[in-house]
PDB file of N, CA and C in Angstrom:
ATOM      1  N   MET A   1      18.372  36.414  -3.850  1.00  0.00           N
ATOM      2  CA  MET A   1      17.158  35.625  -4.024  1.00  0.00           C
ATOM      3  C   MET A   1      16.478  35.377  -2.674  1.00  0.00           C
ATOM      4  N   PHE A   2      17.254  35.094  -1.637  1.00  0.00           N
ATOM      5  CA  PHE A   2      16.663  34.773  -0.342  1.00  0.00           C
ATOM      6  C   PHE A   2      16.298  36.012   0.470  1.00  0.00           C
ATOM      7  N   GLN A   3      16.804  37.189   0.092  1.00  0.00           N
ATOM      8  CA  GLN A   3      16.523  38.380   0.875  1.00  0.00           C
ATOM      9  C   GLN A   3      15.045  38.756   0.854  1.00  0.00           C
ATOM     10  N   GLN A   4      14.378  38.528  -0.255  1.00  0.00           N
ATOM     11  CA  GLN A   4      12.970  38.892  -0.367  1.00  0.00           C
ATOM     12  C   GLN A   4      12.034  37.748   0.004  1.00  0.00           C
ATOM     13  N   ALA A   5      12.565  36.553   0.131  1.00  0.00           N
ATOM     14  CA  ALA A   5      11.733  35.374   0.423  1.00  0.00           C
ATOM     15  C   ALA A   5      11.500  35.248   1.927  1.00  0.00           C
ATOM     16  N   PRO A   6      10.436  34.557   2.312  1.00  0.00           N
ATOM     17  CA  PRO A   6      10.216  34.288   3.745  1.00  0.00           C
ATOM     18  C   PRO A   6      11.325  33.397   4.307  1.00  0.00           C
ATOM     19  N   TRP A   7      11.511  33.428   5.603  1.00  0.00           N
ATOM     20  CA  TRP A   7      12.589  32.683   6.253  1.00  0.00           C
ATOM     21  C   TRP A   7      12.459  31.175   6.041  1.00  0.00           C
ATOM     22  N   ILE A   8      11.242  30.677   5.925  1.00  0.00           N
ATOM     23  CA  ILE A   8      11.040  29.233   5.793  1.00  0.00           C
ATOM     24  C   ILE A   8      11.608  28.718   4.472  1.00  0.00           C
ATOM     25  N   VAL A   9      11.625  29.546   3.448  1.00  0.00           N
ATOM     26  CA  VAL A   9      12.186  29.145   2.153  1.00  0.00           C
ATOM     27  C   VAL A   9      13.682  28.888   2.297  1.00  0.00           C
ATOM     28  N   PHE A  10      14.366  29.762   3.010  1.00  0.00           N
ATOM     29  CA  PHE A  10      15.801  29.587   3.226  1.00  0.00           C
ATOM     30  C   PHE A  10      16.082  28.340   4.059  1.00  0.00           C
ATOM     31  N   VAL A  11      15.339  28.153   5.128  1.00  0.00           N
ATOM     32  CA  VAL A  11      15.568  27.014   6.019  1.00  0.00           C
ATOM     33  C   VAL A  11      15.281  25.694   5.303  1.00  0.00           C
ATOM     34  N   VAL A  12      14.187  25.621   4.580  1.00  0.00           N
ATOM     35  CA  VAL A  12      13.835  24.383   3.873  1.00  0.00           C
ATOM     36  C   VAL A  12      14.819  24.113   2.735  1.00  0.00           C
ATOM     37  N   SER A  13      15.299  25.145   2.072  1.00  0.00           N
ATOM     38  CA  SER A  13      16.271  24.913   1.001  1.00  0.00           C
ATOM     39  C   SER A  13      17.603  24.420   1.567  1.00  0.00           C
ATOM     40  N   ILE A  14      18.024  24.933   2.695  1.00  0.00           N
ATOM     41  CA  ILE A  14      19.244  24.432   3.344  1.00  0.00           C
ATOM     42  C   ILE A  14      19.033  22.989   3.779  1.00  0.00           C
ATOM     43  N   ALA A  15      17.885  22.680   4.371  1.00  0.00           N
ATOM     44  CA  ALA A  15      17.593  21.314   4.815  1.00  0.00           C
ATOM     45  C   ALA A  15      17.548  20.352   3.634  1.00  0.00           C
ATOM     46  N   THR A  16      16.967  20.774   2.530  1.00  0.00           N
ATOM     47  CA  THR A  16      16.907  19.923   1.341  1.00  0.00           C
ATOM     48  C   THR A  16      18.296  19.685   0.764  1.00  0.00           C
ATOM     49  N   PHE A  17      19.118  20.726   0.760  1.00  0.00           N
ATOM     50  CA  PHE A  17      20.473  20.570   0.248  1.00  0.00           C
ATOM     51  C   PHE A  17      21.289  19.620   1.136  1.00  0.00           C
ATOM     52  N   VAL A  18      21.118  19.704   2.446  1.00  0.00           N
ATOM     53  CA  VAL A  18      21.797  18.773   3.358  1.00  0.00           C
ATOM     54  C   VAL A  18      21.299  17.355   3.106  1.00  0.00           C
ATOM     55  N   LEU A  19      20.009  17.191   2.910  1.00  0.00           N
ATOM     56  CA  LEU A  19      19.441  15.865   2.636  1.00  0.00           C
ATOM     57  C   LEU A  19      20.020  15.264   1.357  1.00  0.00           C
ATOM     58  N   ILE A  20      20.156  16.065   0.331  1.00  0.00           N
ATOM     59  CA  ILE A  20      20.728  15.586  -0.930  1.00  0.00           C
ATOM     60  C   ILE A  20      22.209  15.251  -0.746  1.00  0.00           C
ATOM     61  N   MET A  21      22.930  16.110  -0.039  1.00  0.00           N
ATOM     62  CA  MET A  21      24.355  15.870   0.161  1.00  0.00           C
ATOM     63  C   MET A  21      24.625  14.607   0.974  1.00  0.00           C
ATOM     64  N   THR A  22      23.791  14.335   1.968  1.00  0.00           N
ATOM     65  CA  THR A  22      24.043  13.172   2.822  1.00  0.00           C
ATOM     66  C   THR A  22      23.799  11.854   2.101  1.00  0.00           C
ATOM     67  N   ASN A  23      23.157  11.888   0.975  1.00  0.00           N
ATOM     68  CA  ASN A  23      23.009  10.670   0.197  1.00  0.00           C
ATOM     69  C   ASN A  23      24.279  10.331  -0.567  1.00  0.00           C
ATOM     70  N   PHE A  24      25.163  11.298  -0.742  1.00  0.00           N
ATOM     71  CA  PHE A  24      26.388  11.079  -1.504  1.00  0.00           C
ATOM     72  C   PHE A  24      27.645  11.070  -0.644  1.00  0.00           C
ATOM     73  N   ILE A  25      27.638  11.812   0.461  1.00  0.00           N
ATOM     74  CA  ILE A  25      28.791  11.851   1.349  1.00  0.00           C
ATOM     75  C   ILE A  25      28.327  11.585   2.775  1.00  0.00           C
ATOM     76  N   MET A  26      29.254  11.419   3.685  1.00  0.00           N
ATOM     77  CA  MET A  26      28.920  11.168   5.089  1.00  0.00           C
ATOM     78  C   MET A  26      28.170  12.366   5.670  1.00  0.00           C
ATOM     79  N   ASN A  27      27.259  12.095   6.585  1.00  0.00           N
ATOM     80  CA  ASN A  27      26.441  13.172   7.142  1.00  0.00           C
ATOM     81  C   ASN A  27      27.271  14.185   7.931  1.00  0.00           C
ATOM     82  N   VAL A  28      28.317  13.742   8.604  1.00  0.00           N
ATOM     83  CA  VAL A  28      29.171  14.668   9.348  1.00  0.00           C
ATOM     84  C   VAL A  28      29.889  15.616   8.387  1.00  0.00           C
ATOM     85  N   ALA A  29      30.320  15.101   7.257  1.00  0.00           N
ATOM     86  CA  ALA A  29      30.984  15.945   6.266  1.00  0.00           C
ATOM     87  C   ALA A  29      30.015  16.963   5.665  1.00  0.00           C
ATOM     88  N   ALA A  30      28.786  16.542   5.413  1.00  0.00           N
ATOM     89  CA  ALA A  30      27.791  17.469   4.862  1.00  0.00           C
ATOM     90  C   ALA A  30      27.508  18.606   5.835  1.00  0.00           C
ATOM     91  N   ILE A  31      27.390  18.279   7.114  1.00  0.00           N
ATOM     92  CA  ILE A  31      27.156  19.314   8.125  1.00  0.00           C
ATOM     93  C   ILE A  31      28.373  20.224   8.256  1.00  0.00           C
ATOM     94  N   ALA A  32      29.569  19.647   8.243  1.00  0.00           N
ATOM     95  CA  ALA A  32      30.790  20.439   8.375  1.00  0.00           C
ATOM     96  C   ALA A  32      30.984  21.385   7.201  1.00  0.00           C
ATOM     97  N   ILE A  33      30.529  20.995   6.027  1.00  0.00           N
ATOM     98  CA  ILE A  33      30.661  21.848   4.848  1.00  0.00           C
ATOM     99  C   ILE A  33      29.603  22.938   4.833  1.00  0.00           C
ATOM    100  N   LEU A  34      28.372  22.593   5.106  1.00  0.00           N
ATOM    101  CA  LEU A  34      27.256  23.510   4.872  1.00  0.00           C
ATOM    102  C   LEU A  34      26.875  24.369   6.073  1.00  0.00           C
ATOM    103  N   LEU A  35      27.011  23.859   7.278  1.00  0.00           N
ATOM    104  CA  LEU A  35      26.508  24.585   8.441  1.00  0.00           C
ATOM    105  C   LEU A  35      27.213  25.918   8.692  1.00  0.00           C
ATOM    106  N   PRO A  36      28.535  26.012   8.621  1.00  0.00           N
ATOM    107  CA  PRO A  36      29.155  27.331   8.842  1.00  0.00           C
ATOM    108  C   PRO A  36      28.696  28.387   7.839  1.00  0.00           C
ATOM    109  N   VAL A  37      28.564  27.989   6.597  1.00  0.00           N
ATOM    110  CA  VAL A  37      28.129  28.936   5.568  1.00  0.00           C
ATOM    111  C   VAL A  37      26.684  29.367   5.794  1.00  0.00           C
ATOM    112  N   SER A  38      25.821  28.401   6.088  1.00  0.00           N
ATOM    113  CA  SER A  38      24.407  28.733   6.262  1.00  0.00           C
ATOM    114  C   SER A  38      24.159  29.540   7.534  1.00  0.00           C
ATOM    115  N   LEU A  39      24.967  29.333   8.563  1.00  0.00           N
ATOM    116  CA  LEU A  39      24.807  30.140   9.783  1.00  0.00           C
ATOM    117  C   LEU A  39      25.204  31.596   9.546  1.00  0.00           C
ATOM    118  N   VAL A  40      26.213  31.828   8.736  1.00  0.00           N
ATOM    119  CA  VAL A  40      26.605  33.204   8.409  1.00  0.00           C
ATOM    120  C   VAL A  40      25.525  33.871   7.565  1.00  0.00           C
ATOM    121  N   ILE A  41      25.007  33.149   6.576  1.00  0.00           N
ATOM    122  CA  ILE A  41      23.944  33.702   5.728  1.00  0.00           C
ATOM    123  C   ILE A  41      22.683  33.953   6.554  1.00  0.00           C
ATOM    124  N   ALA A  42      22.370  33.047   7.467  1.00  0.00           N
ATOM    125  CA  ALA A  42      21.177  33.214   8.311  1.00  0.00           C
ATOM    126  C   ALA A  42      21.267  34.470   9.154  1.00  0.00           C
ATOM    127  N   ASN A  43      22.454  34.807   9.593  1.00  0.00           N
ATOM    128  CA  ASN A  43      22.635  36.014  10.375  1.00  0.00           C
ATOM    129  C   ASN A  43      22.256  37.254   9.578  1.00  0.00           C
ATOM    130  N   TYR A  44      22.618  37.281   8.297  1.00  0.00           N
ATOM    131  CA  TYR A  44      22.274  38.418   7.435  1.00  0.00           C
ATOM    132  C   TYR A  44      20.791  38.453   7.093  1.00  0.00           C
ATOM    133  N   LEU A  45      20.143  37.291   7.036  1.00  0.00           N
ATOM    134  CA  LEU A  45      18.728  37.240   6.677  1.00  0.00           C
ATOM    135  C   LEU A  45      17.806  37.374   7.883  1.00  0.00           C
ATOM    136  N   GLY A  46      18.363  37.376   9.083  1.00  0.00           N
ATOM    137  CA  GLY A  46      17.551  37.509  10.280  1.00  0.00           C
ATOM    138  C   GLY A  46      16.873  36.219  10.714  1.00  0.00           C
ATOM    139  N   VAL A  47      17.434  35.090  10.328  1.00  0.00           N
ATOM    140  CA  VAL A  47      16.896  33.780  10.706  1.00  0.00           C
ATOM    141  C   VAL A  47      17.661  33.304  11.932  1.00  0.00           C
ATOM    142  N   ALA A  48      16.938  32.743  12.891  1.00  0.00           N
ATOM    143  CA  ALA A  48      17.571  32.254  14.114  1.00  0.00           C
ATOM    144  C   ALA A  48      18.521  31.099  13.785  1.00  0.00           C
ATOM    145  N   PRO A  49      19.742  31.144  14.307  1.00  0.00           N
ATOM    146  CA  PRO A  49      20.709  30.094  13.989  1.00  0.00           C
ATOM    147  C   PRO A  49      20.308  28.709  14.503  1.00  0.00           C
ATOM    148  N   ASP A  50      19.587  28.654  15.604  1.00  0.00           N
ATOM    149  CA  ASP A  50      19.199  27.341  16.126  1.00  0.00           C
ATOM    150  C   ASP A  50      18.191  26.645  15.226  1.00  0.00           C
ATOM    151  N   ILE A  51      17.408  27.392  14.482  1.00  0.00           N
ATOM    152  CA  ILE A  51      16.477  26.780  13.535  1.00  0.00           C
ATOM    153  C   ILE A  51      17.244  26.149  12.376  1.00  0.00           C
ATOM    154  N   ILE A  52      18.256  26.850  11.884  1.00  0.00           N
ATOM    155  CA  ILE A  52      19.100  26.303  10.824  1.00  0.00           C
ATOM    156  C   ILE A  52      19.809  25.045  11.323  1.00  0.00           C
ATOM    157  N   LEU A  53      20.339  25.111  12.536  1.00  0.00           N
ATOM    158  CA  LEU A  53      21.040  23.966  13.114  1.00  0.00           C
ATOM    159  C   LEU A  53      20.113  22.767  13.242  1.00  0.00           C
ATOM    160  N   TYR A  54      18.923  22.978  13.774  1.00  0.00           N
ATOM    161  CA  TYR A  54      17.974  21.876  13.955  1.00  0.00           C
ATOM    162  C   TYR A  54      17.573  21.267  12.611  1.00  0.00           C
ATOM    163  N   ALA A  55      17.219  22.098  11.665  1.00  0.00           N
ATOM    164  CA  ALA A  55      16.772  21.587  10.362  1.00  0.00           C
ATOM    165  C   ALA A  55      17.888  20.830   9.650  1.00  0.00           C
ATOM    166  N   SER A  56      19.115  21.329   9.749  1.00  0.00           N
ATOM    167  CA  SER A  56      20.238  20.654   9.099  1.00  0.00           C
ATOM    168  C   SER A  56      20.549  19.322   9.761  1.00  0.00           C
ATOM    169  N   LEU A  57      20.530  19.285  11.081  1.00  0.00           N
ATOM    170  CA  LEU A  57      20.853  18.048  11.782  1.00  0.00           C
ATOM    171  C   LEU A  57      19.787  16.977  11.587  1.00  0.00           C
ATOM    172  N   VAL A  58      18.539  17.395  11.527  1.00  0.00           N
ATOM    173  CA  VAL A  58      17.463  16.418  11.315  1.00  0.00           C
ATOM    174  C   VAL A  58      17.581  15.784   9.931  1.00  0.00           C
ATOM    175  N   THR A  59      17.796  16.602   8.930  1.00  0.00           N
ATOM    176  CA  THR A  59      17.857  16.049   7.580  1.00  0.00           C
ATOM    177  C   THR A  59      19.167  15.317   7.299  1.00  0.00           C
ATOM    178  N   ALA A  60      20.205  15.591   8.066  1.00  0.00           N
ATOM    179  CA  ALA A  60      21.466  14.866   7.873  1.00  0.00           C
ATOM    180  C   ALA A  60      21.363  13.423   8.350  1.00  0.00           C
ATOM    181  N   CYS A  61      20.404  13.136   9.169  1.00  0.00           N
ATOM    182  CA  CYS A  61      20.274  11.793   9.750  1.00  0.00           C
ATOM    183  C   CYS A  61      19.403  10.861   8.925  1.00  0.00           C
ATOM    184  N   ILE A  62      18.867  11.311   7.800  1.00  0.00           N
ATOM    185  CA  ILE A  62      17.895  10.489   7.091  1.00  0.00           C
ATOM    186  C   ILE A  62      18.200  10.331   5.603  1.00  0.00           C
ATOM    187  N   PRO A  63      19.354   9.806   5.244  1.00  0.00           N
ATOM    188  CA  PRO A  63      19.613   9.562   3.825  1.00  0.00           C
ATOM    189  C   PRO A  63      18.933   8.273   3.366  1.00  0.00           C
ATOM    190  N   PHE A  64      17.875   8.388   2.617  1.00  0.00           N
ATOM    191  CA  PHE A  64      17.083   7.231   2.199  1.00  0.00           C
ATOM    192  C   PHE A  64      17.394   6.738   0.795  1.00  0.00           C
ATOM    193  N   LEU A  65      18.003   7.565  -0.041  1.00  0.00           N
ATOM    194  CA  LEU A  65      18.063   7.256  -1.471  1.00  0.00           C
ATOM    195  C   LEU A  65      19.121   6.238  -1.874  1.00  0.00           C
ATOM    196  N   LEU A  66      20.315   6.417  -1.420  1.00  0.00           N
ATOM    197  CA  LEU A  66      21.418   5.589  -1.909  1.00  0.00           C
ATOM    198  C   LEU A  66      21.980   4.714  -0.798  1.00  0.00           C
ATOM    199  N   LEU A  67      22.667   3.691  -1.199  1.00  0.00           N
ATOM    200  CA  LEU A  67      23.226   2.752  -0.229  1.00  0.00           C
ATOM    201  C   LEU A  67      24.362   3.348   0.583  1.00  0.00           C
ATOM    202  N   ILE A  68      25.106   4.267   0.002  1.00  0.00           N
ATOM    203  CA  ILE A  68      26.253   4.826   0.701  1.00  0.00           C
ATOM    204  C   ILE A  68      25.857   5.904   1.696  1.00  0.00           C
ATOM    205  N   GLY A  69      24.592   6.271   1.744  1.00  0.00           N
ATOM    206  CA  GLY A  69      24.155   7.338   2.632  1.00  0.00           C
ATOM    207  C   GLY A  69      24.276   7.005   4.100  1.00  0.00           C
ATOM    208  N   ALA A  70      24.000   5.781   4.458  1.00  0.00           N
ATOM    209  CA  ALA A  70      24.063   5.390   5.870  1.00  0.00           C
ATOM    210  C   ALA A  70      24.388   3.909   5.969  1.00  0.00           C
ATOM    211  N   ALA A  71      24.973   3.535   7.075  1.00  0.00           N
ATOM    212  CA  ALA A  71      25.332   2.133   7.290  1.00  0.00           C
ATOM    213  C   ALA A  71      24.111   1.206   7.323  1.00  0.00           C
ATOM    214  N   PRO A  72      22.981   1.594   7.925  1.00  0.00           N
ATOM    215  CA  PRO A  72      21.815   0.702   7.890  1.00  0.00           C
ATOM    216  C   PRO A  72      21.318   0.403   6.484  1.00  0.00           C
ATOM    217  N   ASN A  73      21.481   1.346   5.560  1.00  0.00           N
ATOM    218  CA  ASN A  73      21.103   1.084   4.174  1.00  0.00           C
ATOM    219  C   ASN A  73      21.951  -0.044   3.594  1.00  0.00           C
ATOM    220  N   SER A  74      23.242   0.003   3.840  1.00  0.00           N
ATOM    221  CA  SER A  74      24.141  -1.037   3.318  1.00  0.00           C
ATOM    222  C   SER A  74      23.875  -2.382   3.969  1.00  0.00           C
ATOM    223  N   ILE A  75      23.604  -2.372   5.253  1.00  0.00           N
ATOM    224  CA  ILE A  75      23.334  -3.624   5.966  1.00  0.00           C
ATOM    225  C   ILE A  75      22.063  -4.281   5.442  1.00  0.00           C
ATOM    226  N   SER A  76      21.016  -3.481   5.247  1.00  0.00           N
ATOM    227  CA  SER A  76      19.768  -4.061   4.752  1.00  0.00           C
ATOM    228  C   SER A  76      19.903  -4.495   3.292  1.00  0.00           C
ATOM    229  N   TYR A  77      20.733  -3.805   2.523  1.00  0.00           N
ATOM    230  CA  TYR A  77      20.971  -4.230   1.140  1.00  0.00           C
ATOM    231  C   TYR A  77      21.722  -5.555   1.110  1.00  0.00           C
ATOM    232  N   GLN A  78      22.669  -5.751   1.999  1.00  0.00           N
ATOM    233  CA  GLN A  78      23.445  -6.981   2.040  1.00  0.00           C
ATOM    234  C   GLN A  78      22.598  -8.187   2.448  1.00  0.00           C
ATOM    235  N   SER A  79      21.459  -7.958   3.062  1.00  0.00           N
ATOM    236  CA  SER A  79      20.592  -9.073   3.425  1.00  0.00           C
ATOM    237  C   SER A  79      19.981  -9.731   2.190  1.00  0.00           C
ATOM    238  N   GLY A  80      19.979  -9.020   1.072  1.00  0.00           N
ATOM    239  CA  GLY A  80      19.460  -9.575  -0.164  1.00  0.00           C
ATOM    240  C   GLY A  80      17.962  -9.411  -0.341  1.00  0.00           C
ATOM    241  N   GLN A  81      17.309  -8.772   0.592  1.00  0.00           N
ATOM    242  CA  GLN A  81      15.857  -8.592   0.508  1.00  0.00           C
ATOM    243  C   GLN A  81      15.464  -7.329  -0.253  1.00  0.00           C
ATOM    244  N   PHE A  82      16.419  -6.437  -0.480  1.00  0.00           N
ATOM    245  CA  PHE A  82      16.138  -5.178  -1.161  1.00  0.00           C
ATOM    246  C   PHE A  82      17.108  -4.982  -2.311  1.00  0.00           C
ATOM    247  N   THR A  83      16.654  -4.285  -3.317  1.00  0.00           N
ATOM    248  CA  THR A  83      17.542  -3.901  -4.416  1.00  0.00           C
ATOM    249  C   THR A  83      17.866  -2.414  -4.287  1.00  0.00           C
ATOM    250  N   ALA A  84      18.889  -1.980  -5.001  1.00  0.00           N
ATOM    251  CA  ALA A  84      19.254  -0.563  -4.960  1.00  0.00           C
ATOM    252  C   ALA A  84      18.141   0.294  -5.550  1.00  0.00           C
ATOM    253  N   GLY A  85      17.435  -0.231  -6.540  1.00  0.00           N
ATOM    254  CA  GLY A  85      16.316   0.498  -7.137  1.00  0.00           C
ATOM    255  C   GLY A  85      15.171   0.715  -6.170  1.00  0.00           C
ATOM    256  N   GLU A  86      14.953  -0.252  -5.282  1.00  0.00           N
ATOM    257  CA  GLU A  86      13.895  -0.087  -4.282  1.00  0.00           C
ATOM    258  C   GLU A  86      14.229   1.013  -3.291  1.00  0.00           C
ATOM    259  N   PHE A  87      15.506   1.146  -2.941  1.00  0.00           N
ATOM    260  CA  PHE A  87      15.901   2.253  -2.077  1.00  0.00           C
ATOM    261  C   PHE A  87      15.572   3.581  -2.740  1.00  0.00           C
ATOM    262  N   PHE A  88      15.901   3.700  -3.995  1.00  0.00           N
ATOM    263  CA  PHE A  88      15.664   4.951  -4.714  1.00  0.00           C
ATOM    264  C   PHE A  88      14.169   5.196  -4.911  1.00  0.00           C
ATOM    265  N   LYS A  89      13.426   4.152  -5.257  1.00  0.00           N
ATOM    266  CA  LYS A  89      11.993   4.293  -5.531  1.00  0.00           C
ATOM    267  C   LYS A  89      11.223   4.717  -4.277  1.00  0.00           C
ATOM    268  N   HIS A  90      11.564   4.148  -3.146  1.00  0.00           N
ATOM    269  CA  HIS A  90      10.859   4.487  -1.914  1.00  0.00           C
ATOM    270  C   HIS A  90      11.510   5.655  -1.181  1.00  0.00           C
ATOM    271  N   GLY A  91      12.754   5.940  -1.506  1.00  0.00           N
ATOM    272  CA  GLY A  91      13.459   7.024  -0.834  1.00  0.00           C
ATOM    273  C   GLY A  91      13.013   8.402  -1.259  1.00  0.00           C
ATOM    274  N   ILE A  92      12.641   8.551  -2.514  1.00  0.00           N
ATOM    275  CA  ILE A  92      12.203   9.873  -2.992  1.00  0.00           C
ATOM    276  C   ILE A  92      10.923  10.331  -2.293  1.00  0.00           C
ATOM    277  N   PRO A  93       9.860   9.511  -2.239  1.00  0.00           N
ATOM    278  CA  PRO A  93       8.670   9.976  -1.511  1.00  0.00           C
ATOM    279  C   PRO A  93       8.929  10.185  -0.022  1.00  0.00           C
ATOM    280  N   MET A  94       9.759   9.325   0.577  1.00  0.00           N
ATOM    281  CA  MET A  94      10.048   9.491   2.002  1.00  0.00           C
ATOM    282  C   MET A  94      10.832  10.773   2.265  1.00  0.00           C
ATOM    283  N   SER A  95      11.735  11.115   1.383  1.00  0.00           N
ATOM    284  CA  SER A  95      12.500  12.356   1.544  1.00  0.00           C
ATOM    285  C   SER A  95      11.584  13.571   1.425  1.00  0.00           C
ATOM    286  N   ILE A  96      10.653  13.533   0.491  1.00  0.00           N
ATOM    287  CA  ILE A  96       9.704  14.635   0.328  1.00  0.00           C
ATOM    288  C   ILE A  96       8.814  14.758   1.562  1.00  0.00           C
ATOM    289  N   ILE A  97       8.359  13.636   2.080  1.00  0.00           N
ATOM    290  CA  ILE A  97       7.513  13.652   3.280  1.00  0.00           C
ATOM    291  C   ILE A  97       8.281  14.222   4.471  1.00  0.00           C
ATOM    292  N   ILE A  98       9.537  13.828   4.620  1.00  0.00           N
ATOM    293  CA  ILE A  98      10.348  14.336   5.728  1.00  0.00           C
ATOM    294  C   ILE A  98      10.535  15.843   5.625  1.00  0.00           C
ATOM    295  N   ILE A  99      10.797  16.349   4.438  1.00  0.00           N
ATOM    296  CA  ILE A  99      10.967  17.795   4.260  1.00  0.00           C
ATOM    297  C   ILE A  99       9.667  18.530   4.578  1.00  0.00           C
ATOM    298  N   LEU A 100       8.535  17.987   4.146  1.00  0.00           N
ATOM    299  CA  LEU A 100       7.239  18.628   4.440  1.00  0.00           C
ATOM    300  C   LEU A 100       6.926  18.612   5.938  1.00  0.00           C
ATOM    301  N   VAL A 101       7.198  17.492   6.584  1.00  0.00           N
ATOM    302  CA  VAL A 101       6.966  17.409   8.033  1.00  0.00           C
ATOM    303  C   VAL A 101       7.884  18.375   8.779  1.00  0.00           C
ATOM    304  N   LEU A 102       9.130  18.452   8.350  1.00  0.00           N
ATOM    305  CA  LEU A 102      10.070  19.388   8.968  1.00  0.00           C
ATOM    306  C   LEU A 102       9.608  20.825   8.791  1.00  0.00           C
ATOM    307  N   ALA A 103       9.155  21.194   7.590  1.00  0.00           N
ATOM    308  CA  ALA A 103       8.658  22.549   7.346  1.00  0.00           C
ATOM    309  C   ALA A 103       7.439  22.844   8.210  1.00  0.00           C
ATOM    310  N   LEU A 104       6.548  21.883   8.322  1.00  0.00           N
ATOM    311  CA  LEU A 104       5.373  22.083   9.178  1.00  0.00           C
ATOM    312  C   LEU A 104       5.783  22.258  10.629  1.00  0.00           C
ATOM    313  N   PHE A 105       6.727  21.460  11.075  1.00  0.00           N
ATOM    314  CA  PHE A 105       7.210  21.572  12.459  1.00  0.00           C
ATOM    315  C   PHE A 105       7.870  22.922  12.706  1.00  0.00           C
ATOM    316  N   LEU A 106       8.695  23.369  11.770  1.00  0.00           N
ATOM    317  CA  LEU A 106       9.391  24.656  11.951  1.00  0.00           C
ATOM    318  C   LEU A 106       8.420  25.828  11.976  1.00  0.00           C
ATOM    319  N   VAL A 107       7.396  25.760  11.155  1.00  0.00           N
ATOM    320  CA  VAL A 107       6.411  26.845  11.147  1.00  0.00           C
ATOM    321  C   VAL A 107       5.597  26.860  12.435  1.00  0.00           C
ATOM    322  N   THR A 108       5.284  25.678  12.947  1.00  0.00           N
ATOM    323  CA  THR A 108       4.472  25.606  14.172  1.00  0.00           C
ATOM    324  C   THR A 108       5.286  25.980  15.414  1.00  0.00           C
ATOM    325  N   VAL A 109       6.493  25.502  15.468  1.00  0.00           N
ATOM    326  CA  VAL A 109       7.295  25.751  16.679  1.00  0.00           C
ATOM    327  C   VAL A 109       7.961  27.103  16.563  1.00  0.00           C
TER     328      VAL A 109
END
């Protein structure tokens, strides 16, 4: 599927998958699971490995959807000013915006 697609499709799909994974597991674990596989696949597709690394690391740092994604999410939830539903409601548009900004940055740079 990725052999005929442009390189940006592969990079953005890897970044999106890392973003989804980091909402459920620790970001270091998501990178440790996905990065070796994606770097090998990138080599076959002719995509620069540093682009895959950058896109994966950027999206691993921004889990907005769930409370377990990052410690700041849990801390702000414990303050009582936010509900878990608000994280999810505002996290989906923010995640989409981050992926679009990342794709724009990768295409420009």
